[in-house]
Protein backbone atom coordinates (compact mmCIF):
# COMPACT_ATOMS: atom_id res chain seq x y z
CA MET A 1 17.42 -7.62 6.44
CA THR A 2 18.16 -4.84 3.98
CA GLU A 3 15.48 -4.21 1.40
CA ASP A 4 14.39 -1.44 -0.85
CA SER A 5 11.09 -0.74 -2.52
CA SER A 6 11.99 -2.93 -5.50
CA ALA A 7 11.23 -5.92 -3.27
CA TYR A 8 7.60 -4.72 -3.35
CA PRO A 9 6.96 -3.63 -6.96
CA GLU A 10 3.15 -3.39 -6.73
CA LEU A 11 3.24 -1.38 -3.50
CA ALA A 12 6.00 0.84 -4.88
CA ALA A 13 4.05 1.48 -8.08
CA LEU A 14 0.92 2.39 -6.10
CA VAL A 15 2.79 4.80 -3.82
CA ASP A 16 4.70 6.41 -6.71
CA ALA A 17 1.61 6.80 -8.89
CA CYS A 18 -0.96 7.90 -6.34
CA PHE A 19 0.41 9.13 -3.01
CA HIS A 20 1.61 12.60 -3.96
CA GLN A 21 0.27 16.14 -3.95
CA ASP A 22 -2.31 15.29 -6.64
CA MET A 23 -3.63 12.27 -4.74
CA ASP A 24 -7.13 13.75 -4.72
CA LEU A 25 -7.35 13.05 -8.46
CA PHE A 26 -7.74 9.38 -7.54
CA GLY A 27 -10.15 9.77 -4.62
CA ASP A 28 -10.82 11.50 -1.34
CA THR A 29 -9.61 8.70 0.94
CA ASN A 30 -6.98 5.98 0.94
CA GLU A 31 -9.78 3.49 0.29
CA ASP A 32 -10.89 5.43 -2.82
CA VAL A 33 -7.32 5.51 -4.09
CA PHE A 34 -6.85 1.78 -3.47
CA ARG A 35 -10.09 0.96 -5.30
CA TYR A 36 -9.05 3.17 -8.21
CA TRP A 37 -5.65 1.46 -8.39
CA VAL A 38 -6.77 -2.15 -8.21
CA GLN A 39 -9.69 -1.78 -10.64
CA GLY A 40 -7.24 -1.47 -13.51
CA GLY A 41 -5.02 -4.33 -12.41
CA SER A 42 -5.05 -7.92 -13.52
CA ALA A 43 -5.95 -10.73 -11.16
CA ALA A 44 -2.25 -11.61 -10.99
CA ALA A 45 -1.30 -8.03 -10.07
CA ARG A 46 -3.98 -7.91 -7.38
CA ALA A 47 -2.77 -11.23 -5.96
CA GLN A 48 0.80 -9.95 -5.98
CA MET A 49 -0.30 -6.76 -4.18
CA ALA A 50 -1.96 -8.84 -1.46
CA ALA A 51 1.15 -11.02 -1.14
CA GLU A 52 3.40 -7.95 -0.89
CA VAL A 53 1.20 -6.48 1.86
CA ASP A 54 1.41 -9.75 3.80
CA ARG A 55 5.16 -9.95 3.30
CA PHE A 56 5.71 -6.33 4.33
CA ILE A 57 3.61 -6.68 7.50
CA GLY A 58 5.48 -9.86 8.38
CA ALA A 59 8.89 -8.33 7.71
CA TYR A 60 8.40 -5.16 9.77
CA PRO A 61 6.29 -5.99 12.84
CA ASP A 62 8.10 -3.61 15.20
CA ALA A 63 8.11 -0.31 13.29
CA PRO A 64 5.97 -0.68 10.18
CA LEU A 65 5.30 3.03 9.61
CA THR A 66 8.94 4.05 9.84
CA SER A 67 9.94 1.14 7.63
CA PHE A 68 7.22 1.91 5.08
CA ASN A 69 8.17 5.58 4.91
CA THR A 70 11.86 4.71 4.57
CA LEU A 71 11.27 2.14 1.81
CA PHE A 72 8.62 3.93 -0.24
CA GLN A 73 9.06 7.62 0.67
CA PRO A 74 5.46 8.63 -0.03
CA GLU A 75 4.82 12.34 -0.52
CA MET A 76 1.45 11.91 1.19
CA PRO A 77 1.23 9.78 4.34
CA LEU A 78 -0.79 6.59 4.35
CA ALA A 79 -1.19 6.67 8.14
CA ASP A 80 -0.18 8.57 11.27
CA ASP A 81 1.05 5.64 13.35
CA ASP A 82 1.97 1.95 13.20
CA ALA A 83 -1.53 0.69 13.98
CA GLY A 84 -3.01 2.99 11.35
CA LEU A 85 -0.59 1.73 8.71
CA ILE A 86 -1.39 -1.91 9.49
CA GLU A 87 -5.11 -1.09 9.27
CA THR A 88 -4.58 0.75 5.98
CA LEU A 89 -2.49 -2.02 4.42
CA THR A 90 -5.00 -4.63 5.61
CA MET A 91 -7.74 -2.65 3.87
CA LEU A 92 -5.62 -2.53 0.69
CA ARG A 93 -5.15 -6.30 0.87
CA LYS A 94 -8.88 -6.87 1.23
CA ILE A 95 -9.62 -4.60 -1.72
CA ALA A 96 -6.95 -6.30 -3.82
CA ILE A 97 -8.35 -9.78 -3.23
CA GLY A 98 -11.96 -8.64 -3.46
CA THR A 99 -13.09 -9.28 0.10
CA SER A 100 -13.83 -5.67 0.99
CA PRO A 101 -17.42 -4.44 0.60
């Protein structure tokens, strides 16, 4: 499967807008940044974000971090390893659908 970030427009927009050298403007942690991002989104955009996270995790089970970095090319890393990325994206999904405290 050959994809690019346009297959994940909500994730791509989040990475482009927030995960760069000025990331701290949006929060001190990934969770802060995710909460900042989703608070301004519509219910449809939040649902799409959750669906994109699910689709990404399903599409790249063997090397999610390498695949994520190749597709989205974040200036600031979201995680240090595959397990950390899955945990981070799962947190984003929960925030997007409103099931995170």
